[in-house]
Amino acid sequence: MNKTWTWCVIALLSLGSAAWAQDKNTGGTEKNIAALEEKWLQSQKANHPDMVAPLLADKFVSTNSDGKVTNKAQSLADAKKMKYDSVDYEDLKVTAFGDTAIATGGFKAKGTGPEGKALDLNEQCIASHSSAVKM
């Protein structure tokens, strides 16, 4: 009985250590992704989309709230035609799952869209995908 109890305690301590280490690493991932989201927001506030260009993968695909699907080049070209008067995120949350992180939150913006029309957005970003890049 003592051997069984000892092994149970060792197993629980091992699981607790693994969970703590994962939580510690996940917290760093979540903070890093939140910082990248903040950089994206700052590029919009400054009306300077070139700031976000390095964050986007070459195969980046965006589906806008109007259903328009654009690649990286098209997304950046559209962003350069936009003029934000105000932009902000609401309730940004990042959750890491191993090598994947999901960012969710609200997006509010006012200004002028790429077609030159007034822009007044109140949208929810359902998810963003992020993968580690090996250098």
N, C-alpha and C. Protein backbone atom coordinates (compact mmCIF):
# COMPACT_ATOMS: atom_id res chain seq x y z
N MET A 1 0.82 -1.19 0.00
CA MET A 1 0.00 0.00 0.00
C MET A 1 0.87 1.26 0.00
N ASN A 2 1.97 1.26 0.76
CA ASN A 2 2.86 2.41 0.79
C ASN A 2 3.47 2.69 -0.57
N LYS A 3 3.83 1.62 -1.32
CA LYS A 3 4.40 1.81 -2.65
C LYS A 3 3.38 2.46 -3.58
N THR A 4 2.15 2.01 -3.51
CA THR A 4 1.09 2.59 -4.35
C THR A 4 0.90 4.05 -4.01
N TRP A 5 0.83 4.37 -2.72
CA TRP A 5 0.66 5.76 -2.28
C TRP A 5 1.84 6.62 -2.74
N THR A 6 3.04 6.11 -2.63
CA THR A 6 4.23 6.84 -3.05
C THR A 6 4.18 7.13 -4.55
N TRP A 7 3.82 6.13 -5.35
CA TRP A 7 3.74 6.34 -6.80
C TRP A 7 2.64 7.34 -7.16
N CYS A 8 1.53 7.30 -6.45
CA CYS A 8 0.45 8.27 -6.69
C CYS A 8 0.93 9.69 -6.41
N VAL A 9 1.64 9.87 -5.29
CA VAL A 9 2.15 11.19 -4.94
C VAL A 9 3.15 11.67 -5.99
N ILE A 10 4.04 10.78 -6.41
CA ILE A 10 5.02 11.13 -7.46
C ILE A 10 4.31 11.51 -8.76
N ALA A 11 3.30 10.73 -9.13
CA ALA A 11 2.55 11.02 -10.36
C ALA A 11 1.85 12.37 -10.26
N LEU A 12 1.22 12.66 -9.13
CA LEU A 12 0.53 13.94 -8.96
C LEU A 12 1.52 15.11 -8.99
N LEU A 13 2.66 14.95 -8.34
CA LEU A 13 3.67 16.01 -8.38
C LEU A 13 4.19 16.23 -9.79
N SER A 14 4.38 15.14 -10.53
CA SER A 14 4.85 15.26 -11.91
C SER A 14 3.83 15.98 -12.78
N LEU A 15 2.56 15.60 -12.64
CA LEU A 15 1.50 16.26 -13.41
C LEU A 15 1.38 17.73 -13.03
N GLY A 16 1.47 18.01 -11.74
CA GLY A 16 1.40 19.39 -11.28
C GLY A 16 2.55 20.22 -11.82
N SER A 17 3.74 19.65 -11.85
CA SER A 17 4.90 20.36 -12.39
C SER A 17 4.75 20.61 -13.88
N ALA A 18 4.26 19.61 -14.60
CA ALA A 18 4.06 19.76 -16.05
C ALA A 18 3.00 20.81 -16.33
N ALA A 19 1.91 20.80 -15.58
CA ALA A 19 0.84 21.79 -15.77
C ALA A 19 1.36 23.19 -15.45
N TRP A 20 2.14 23.32 -14.36
CA TRP A 20 2.69 24.62 -14.00
C TRP A 20 3.63 25.13 -15.09
N ALA A 21 4.49 24.23 -15.61
CA ALA A 21 5.43 24.64 -16.67
C ALA A 21 4.67 25.04 -17.92
N GLN A 22 3.63 24.29 -18.27
CA GLN A 22 2.85 24.62 -19.46
C GLN A 22 2.15 25.96 -19.26
N ASP A 23 1.57 26.18 -18.08
CA ASP A 23 0.89 27.43 -17.80
C ASP A 23 1.87 28.60 -17.87
N LYS A 24 3.07 28.40 -17.34
CA LYS A 24 4.09 29.44 -17.37
C LYS A 24 4.46 29.78 -18.81
N ASN A 25 4.67 28.75 -19.65
CA ASN A 25 5.01 28.98 -21.05
C ASN A 25 3.85 29.57 -21.82
N THR A 26 2.63 29.10 -21.56
CA THR A 26 1.45 29.61 -22.24
C THR A 26 1.26 31.08 -21.94
N GLY A 27 1.46 31.49 -20.69
CA GLY A 27 1.31 32.89 -20.32
C GLY A 27 2.22 33.77 -21.15
N GLY A 28 3.44 33.31 -21.40
CA GLY A 28 4.37 34.07 -22.23
C GLY A 28 3.89 34.15 -23.66
N THR A 29 3.37 33.06 -24.17
CA THR A 29 2.84 33.04 -25.54
C THR A 29 1.67 34.01 -25.66
N GLU A 30 0.77 33.97 -24.70
CA GLU A 30 -0.40 34.84 -24.74
C GLU A 30 0.02 36.31 -24.69
N LYS A 31 1.01 36.63 -23.86
CA LYS A 31 1.50 38.01 -23.78
C LYS A 31 2.15 38.44 -25.09
N ASN A 32 2.91 37.53 -25.70
CA ASN A 32 3.57 37.85 -26.98
C ASN A 32 2.55 38.10 -28.09
N ILE A 33 1.52 37.26 -28.16
CA ILE A 33 0.49 37.44 -29.19
C ILE A 33 -0.29 38.73 -28.93
N ALA A 34 -0.60 39.02 -27.67
CA ALA A 34 -1.30 40.27 -27.33
C ALA A 34 -0.44 41.47 -27.75
N ALA A 35 0.87 41.38 -27.58
CA ALA A 35 1.77 42.47 -27.99
C ALA A 35 1.75 42.64 -29.50
N LEU A 36 1.68 41.54 -30.24
CA LEU A 36 1.60 41.63 -31.70
C LEU A 36 0.27 42.24 -32.13
N GLU A 37 -0.81 41.87 -31.46
CA GLU A 37 -2.11 42.47 -31.74
C GLU A 37 -2.06 43.98 -31.47
N GLU A 38 -1.38 44.37 -30.40
CA GLU A 38 -1.24 45.78 -30.07
C GLU A 38 -0.44 46.52 -31.15
N LYS A 39 0.58 45.86 -31.69
CA LYS A 39 1.36 46.47 -32.77
C LYS A 39 0.47 46.69 -34.00
N TRP A 40 -0.40 45.72 -34.28
CA TRP A 40 -1.33 45.84 -35.40
C TRP A 40 -2.25 47.05 -35.16
N LEU A 41 -2.77 47.17 -33.93
CA LEU A 41 -3.64 48.29 -33.59
C LEU A 41 -2.91 49.62 -33.76
N GLN A 42 -1.66 49.67 -33.33
CA GLN A 42 -0.89 50.91 -33.45
C GLN A 42 -0.67 51.28 -34.93
N SER A 43 -0.51 50.27 -35.79
CA SER A 43 -0.36 50.56 -37.22
C SER A 43 -1.63 51.19 -37.77
N GLN A 44 -2.79 50.76 -37.27
CA GLN A 44 -4.06 51.34 -37.71
C GLN A 44 -4.23 52.75 -37.14
N LYS A 45 -3.89 52.93 -35.87
CA LYS A 45 -4.01 54.26 -35.25
C LYS A 45 -3.12 55.27 -35.96
N ALA A 46 -1.96 54.82 -36.42
CA ALA A 46 -1.02 55.71 -37.09
C ALA A 46 -1.27 55.80 -38.60
N ASN A 47 -2.27 55.05 -39.09
CA ASN A 47 -2.54 54.97 -40.52
C ASN A 47 -1.26 54.63 -41.27
N HIS A 48 -0.56 53.61 -40.76
CA HIS A 48 0.72 53.19 -41.33
C HIS A 48 0.75 51.66 -41.44
N PRO A 49 0.08 51.10 -42.48
CA PRO A 49 -0.02 49.64 -42.60
C PRO A 49 1.31 48.93 -42.80
N ASP A 50 2.34 49.64 -43.22
CA ASP A 50 3.64 48.98 -43.39
C ASP A 50 4.18 48.46 -42.06
N MET A 51 3.69 49.01 -40.95
CA MET A 51 4.11 48.52 -39.62
C MET A 51 3.64 47.09 -39.38
N VAL A 52 2.50 46.71 -39.97
CA VAL A 52 1.95 45.38 -39.73
C VAL A 52 2.43 44.37 -40.78
N ALA A 53 2.94 44.85 -41.89
CA ALA A 53 3.36 43.95 -42.99
C ALA A 53 4.29 42.83 -42.52
N PRO A 54 5.29 43.10 -41.68
CA PRO A 54 6.19 42.02 -41.25
C PRO A 54 5.50 40.96 -40.38
N LEU A 55 4.34 41.30 -39.81
CA LEU A 55 3.62 40.36 -38.95
C LEU A 55 2.80 39.35 -39.76
N LEU A 56 2.54 39.66 -41.02
CA LEU A 56 1.67 38.82 -41.84
C LEU A 56 2.48 37.80 -42.62
N ALA A 57 2.03 36.56 -42.57
CA ALA A 57 2.68 35.50 -43.36
C ALA A 57 2.48 35.77 -44.84
N ASP A 58 3.37 35.27 -45.66
CA ASP A 58 3.24 35.44 -47.11
C ASP A 58 1.93 34.86 -47.63
N LYS A 59 1.43 33.81 -46.98
CA LYS A 59 0.17 33.18 -47.40
C LYS A 59 -1.01 33.66 -46.56
N PHE A 60 -0.90 34.84 -45.95
CA PHE A 60 -1.96 35.43 -45.15
C PHE A 60 -3.23 35.55 -45.97
N VAL A 61 -4.36 35.19 -45.35
CA VAL A 61 -5.67 35.33 -45.98
C VAL A 61 -6.59 36.00 -44.98
N SER A 62 -7.32 37.01 -45.43
CA SER A 62 -8.27 37.71 -44.58
C SER A 62 -9.66 37.60 -45.20
N THR A 63 -10.64 37.30 -44.36
CA THR A 63 -12.03 37.34 -44.78
C THR A 63 -12.67 38.49 -44.01
N ASN A 64 -13.05 39.53 -44.72
CA ASN A 64 -13.61 40.72 -44.08
C ASN A 64 -15.07 40.50 -43.71
N SER A 65 -15.62 41.43 -42.95
CA SER A 65 -17.01 41.31 -42.50
C SER A 65 -17.99 41.35 -43.67
N ASP A 66 -17.57 41.90 -44.80
CA ASP A 66 -18.45 41.92 -45.98
C ASP A 66 -18.28 40.66 -46.84
N GLY A 67 -17.45 39.73 -46.38
CA GLY A 67 -17.24 38.47 -47.10
C GLY A 67 -16.11 38.50 -48.12
N LYS A 68 -15.49 39.65 -48.30
CA LYS A 68 -14.39 39.78 -49.25
C LYS A 68 -13.15 39.06 -48.71
N VAL A 69 -12.57 38.20 -49.56
CA VAL A 69 -11.37 37.45 -49.18
C VAL A 69 -10.18 38.07 -49.90
N THR A 70 -9.15 38.41 -49.12
CA THR A 70 -7.96 39.03 -49.71
C THR A 70 -6.70 38.34 -49.21
N ASN A 71 -5.65 38.41 -50.03
CA ASN A 71 -4.36 37.87 -49.60
C ASN A 71 -3.56 39.00 -48.95
N LYS A 72 -2.31 38.73 -48.62
CA LYS A 72 -1.48 39.71 -47.92
C LYS A 72 -1.34 41.00 -48.73
N ALA A 73 -0.99 40.89 -49.99
CA ALA A 73 -0.78 42.08 -50.83
C ALA A 73 -2.06 42.90 -50.97
N GLN A 74 -3.18 42.23 -51.20
CA GLN A 74 -4.45 42.93 -51.34
C GLN A 74 -4.87 43.59 -50.03
N SER A 75 -4.67 42.88 -48.92
CA SER A 75 -5.02 43.42 -47.61
C SER A 75 -4.22 44.68 -47.30
N LEU A 76 -2.92 44.64 -47.58
CA LEU A 76 -2.08 45.80 -47.33
C LEU A 76 -2.43 46.95 -48.27
N ALA A 77 -2.74 46.64 -49.53
CA ALA A 77 -3.14 47.69 -50.49
C ALA A 77 -4.43 48.36 -50.02
N ASP A 78 -5.40 47.57 -49.56
CA ASP A 78 -6.65 48.14 -49.04
C ASP A 78 -6.38 48.98 -47.80
N ALA A 79 -5.51 48.49 -46.91
CA ALA A 79 -5.19 49.21 -45.68
C ALA A 79 -4.56 50.56 -45.98
N LYS A 80 -3.76 50.64 -47.04
CA LYS A 80 -3.12 51.90 -47.41
C LYS A 80 -4.12 52.93 -47.92
N LYS A 81 -5.27 52.47 -48.38
CA LYS A 81 -6.32 53.37 -48.88
C LYS A 81 -7.26 53.83 -47.76
N MET A 82 -7.12 53.24 -46.58
CA MET A 82 -8.00 53.58 -45.46
C MET A 82 -7.41 54.74 -44.67
N LYS A 83 -8.30 55.51 -44.06
CA LYS A 83 -7.88 56.60 -43.18
C LYS A 83 -8.70 56.49 -41.91
N TYR A 84 -8.06 56.04 -40.83
CA TYR A 84 -8.76 55.91 -39.56
C TYR A 84 -8.73 57.23 -38.80
N ASP A 85 -9.89 57.64 -38.29
CA ASP A 85 -9.97 58.76 -37.37
C ASP A 85 -9.87 58.25 -35.94
N SER A 86 -10.44 57.07 -35.71
CA SER A 86 -10.33 56.41 -34.40
C SER A 86 -10.40 54.91 -34.63
N VAL A 87 -9.68 54.18 -33.79
CA VAL A 87 -9.67 52.72 -33.86
C VAL A 87 -9.30 52.17 -32.49
N ASP A 88 -9.96 51.08 -32.09
CA ASP A 88 -9.64 50.49 -30.81
C ASP A 88 -10.11 49.05 -30.76
N TYR A 89 -9.49 48.27 -29.90
CA TYR A 89 -9.91 46.90 -29.63
C TYR A 89 -10.67 46.92 -28.30
N GLU A 90 -11.63 46.01 -28.19
CA GLU A 90 -12.34 45.85 -26.92
C GLU A 90 -12.25 44.41 -26.47
N ASP A 91 -11.93 44.23 -25.22
CA ASP A 91 -11.94 42.91 -24.60
C ASP A 91 -11.08 41.89 -25.35
N LEU A 92 -9.86 42.29 -25.71
CA LEU A 92 -8.94 41.38 -26.40
C LEU A 92 -8.52 40.27 -25.45
N LYS A 93 -8.70 39.04 -25.89
CA LYS A 93 -8.29 37.87 -25.11
C LYS A 93 -7.50 36.95 -26.02
N VAL A 94 -6.41 36.43 -25.50
CA VAL A 94 -5.57 35.49 -26.24
C VAL A 94 -5.48 34.21 -25.43
N THR A 95 -5.73 33.09 -26.10
CA THR A 95 -5.62 31.78 -25.47
C THR A 95 -4.68 30.93 -26.30
N ALA A 96 -3.69 30.33 -25.64
CA ALA A 96 -2.72 29.48 -26.34
C ALA A 96 -3.10 28.01 -26.15
N PHE A 97 -2.95 27.26 -27.22
CA PHE A 97 -3.18 25.82 -27.22
C PHE A 97 -1.96 25.18 -27.89
N GLY A 98 -0.94 24.87 -27.13
CA GLY A 98 0.27 24.31 -27.72
C GLY A 98 0.93 25.30 -28.66
N ASP A 99 1.04 24.94 -29.95
CA ASP A 99 1.68 25.80 -30.94
C ASP A 99 0.73 26.78 -31.60
N THR A 100 -0.52 26.84 -31.14
CA THR A 100 -1.52 27.71 -31.74
C THR A 100 -2.06 28.67 -30.69
N ALA A 101 -2.28 29.91 -31.10
CA ALA A 101 -2.90 30.89 -30.21
C ALA A 101 -4.10 31.49 -30.92
N ILE A 102 -5.16 31.72 -30.16
CA ILE A 102 -6.37 32.31 -30.72
C ILE A 102 -6.61 33.64 -30.01
N ALA A 103 -6.75 34.69 -30.80
CA ALA A 103 -7.04 36.02 -30.27
C ALA A 103 -8.49 36.36 -30.63
N THR A 104 -9.26 36.80 -29.65
CA THR A 104 -10.64 37.21 -29.90
C THR A 104 -10.87 38.57 -29.27
N GLY A 105 -11.81 39.30 -29.81
CA GLY A 105 -12.16 40.59 -29.23
C GLY A 105 -12.95 41.43 -30.20
N GLY A 106 -13.32 42.59 -29.74
CA GLY A 106 -14.08 43.52 -30.56
C GLY A 106 -13.16 44.53 -31.24
N PHE A 107 -13.65 45.08 -32.34
CA PHE A 107 -12.90 46.07 -33.12
C PHE A 107 -13.85 47.20 -33.45
N LYS A 108 -13.49 48.42 -33.06
CA LYS A 108 -14.29 49.60 -33.39
C LYS A 108 -13.41 50.58 -34.14
N ALA A 109 -13.95 51.12 -35.23
CA ALA A 109 -13.17 52.07 -36.01
C ALA A 109 -14.10 53.05 -36.73
N LYS A 110 -13.59 54.26 -36.90
CA LYS A 110 -14.28 55.28 -37.69
C LYS A 110 -13.24 55.91 -38.60
N GLY A 111 -13.69 56.31 -39.77
CA GLY A 111 -12.78 56.95 -40.72
C GLY A 111 -13.32 56.85 -42.13
N THR A 112 -12.41 56.63 -43.07
CA THR A 112 -12.76 56.53 -44.48
C THR A 112 -12.22 55.21 -45.01
N GLY A 113 -13.10 54.43 -45.65
CA GLY A 113 -12.71 53.12 -46.18
C GLY A 113 -11.95 53.22 -47.48
N PRO A 114 -11.49 52.08 -48.01
CA PRO A 114 -10.68 52.08 -49.23
C PRO A 114 -11.42 52.62 -50.46
N GLU A 115 -12.76 52.58 -50.43
CA GLU A 115 -13.55 53.10 -51.57
C GLU A 115 -13.83 54.59 -51.41
N GLY A 116 -13.33 55.21 -50.33
CA GLY A 116 -13.55 56.63 -50.09
C GLY A 116 -14.85 56.92 -49.35
N LYS A 117 -15.56 55.88 -48.90
CA LYS A 117 -16.82 56.07 -48.18
C LYS A 117 -16.56 56.10 -46.67
N ALA A 118 -17.50 56.77 -45.96
CA ALA A 118 -17.39 56.84 -44.50
C ALA A 118 -17.39 55.44 -43.91
N LEU A 119 -16.61 55.29 -42.88
CA LEU A 119 -16.42 53.99 -42.24
C LEU A 119 -16.80 54.12 -40.76
N ASP A 120 -17.70 53.25 -40.30
CA ASP A 120 -18.08 53.20 -38.90
C ASP A 120 -18.27 51.73 -38.56
N LEU A 121 -17.22 51.11 -38.04
CA LEU A 121 -17.22 49.67 -37.80
C LEU A 121 -17.36 49.34 -36.33
N ASN A 122 -18.11 48.30 -36.06
CA ASN A 122 -18.19 47.70 -34.73
C ASN A 122 -18.26 46.20 -35.00
N GLU A 123 -17.12 45.55 -35.01
CA GLU A 123 -17.02 44.15 -35.43
C GLU A 123 -16.40 43.31 -34.32
N GLN A 124 -16.58 42.02 -34.47
CA GLN A 124 -15.92 41.08 -33.55
C GLN A 124 -14.97 40.23 -34.36
N CYS A 125 -13.74 40.17 -33.89
CA CYS A 125 -12.76 39.28 -34.49
C CYS A 125 -12.95 37.93 -33.83
N ILE A 126 -13.35 36.96 -34.63
CA ILE A 126 -13.63 35.64 -34.08
C ILE A 126 -12.34 34.93 -33.67
N ALA A 127 -11.34 34.91 -34.54
CA ALA A 127 -10.11 34.22 -34.20
C ALA A 127 -8.98 34.67 -35.12
N SER A 128 -7.79 34.66 -34.56
CA SER A 128 -6.57 34.87 -35.32
C SER A 128 -5.71 33.64 -35.11
N HIS A 129 -5.00 33.22 -36.11
CA HIS A 129 -4.13 32.06 -35.99
C HIS A 129 -2.69 32.53 -35.98
N SER A 130 -1.91 31.95 -35.13
CA SER A 130 -0.50 32.28 -35.08
C SER A 130 0.31 31.01 -34.95
N SER A 131 1.40 30.94 -35.71
CA SER A 131 2.30 29.79 -35.63
C SER A 131 3.72 30.30 -35.41
N ALA A 132 4.48 29.53 -34.69
CA ALA A 132 5.88 29.90 -34.46
C ALA A 132 6.63 29.86 -35.78
N VAL A 133 7.52 30.81 -35.95
CA VAL A 133 8.34 30.89 -37.16
C VAL A 133 9.76 30.52 -36.78
N LYS A 134 10.31 29.52 -37.44
CA LYS A 134 11.70 29.12 -37.16
C LYS A 134 12.63 30.02 -37.95
N MET A 135 13.61 30.53 -37.26
CA MET A 135 14.57 31.43 -37.90
C MET A 135 15.89 30.78 -38.04
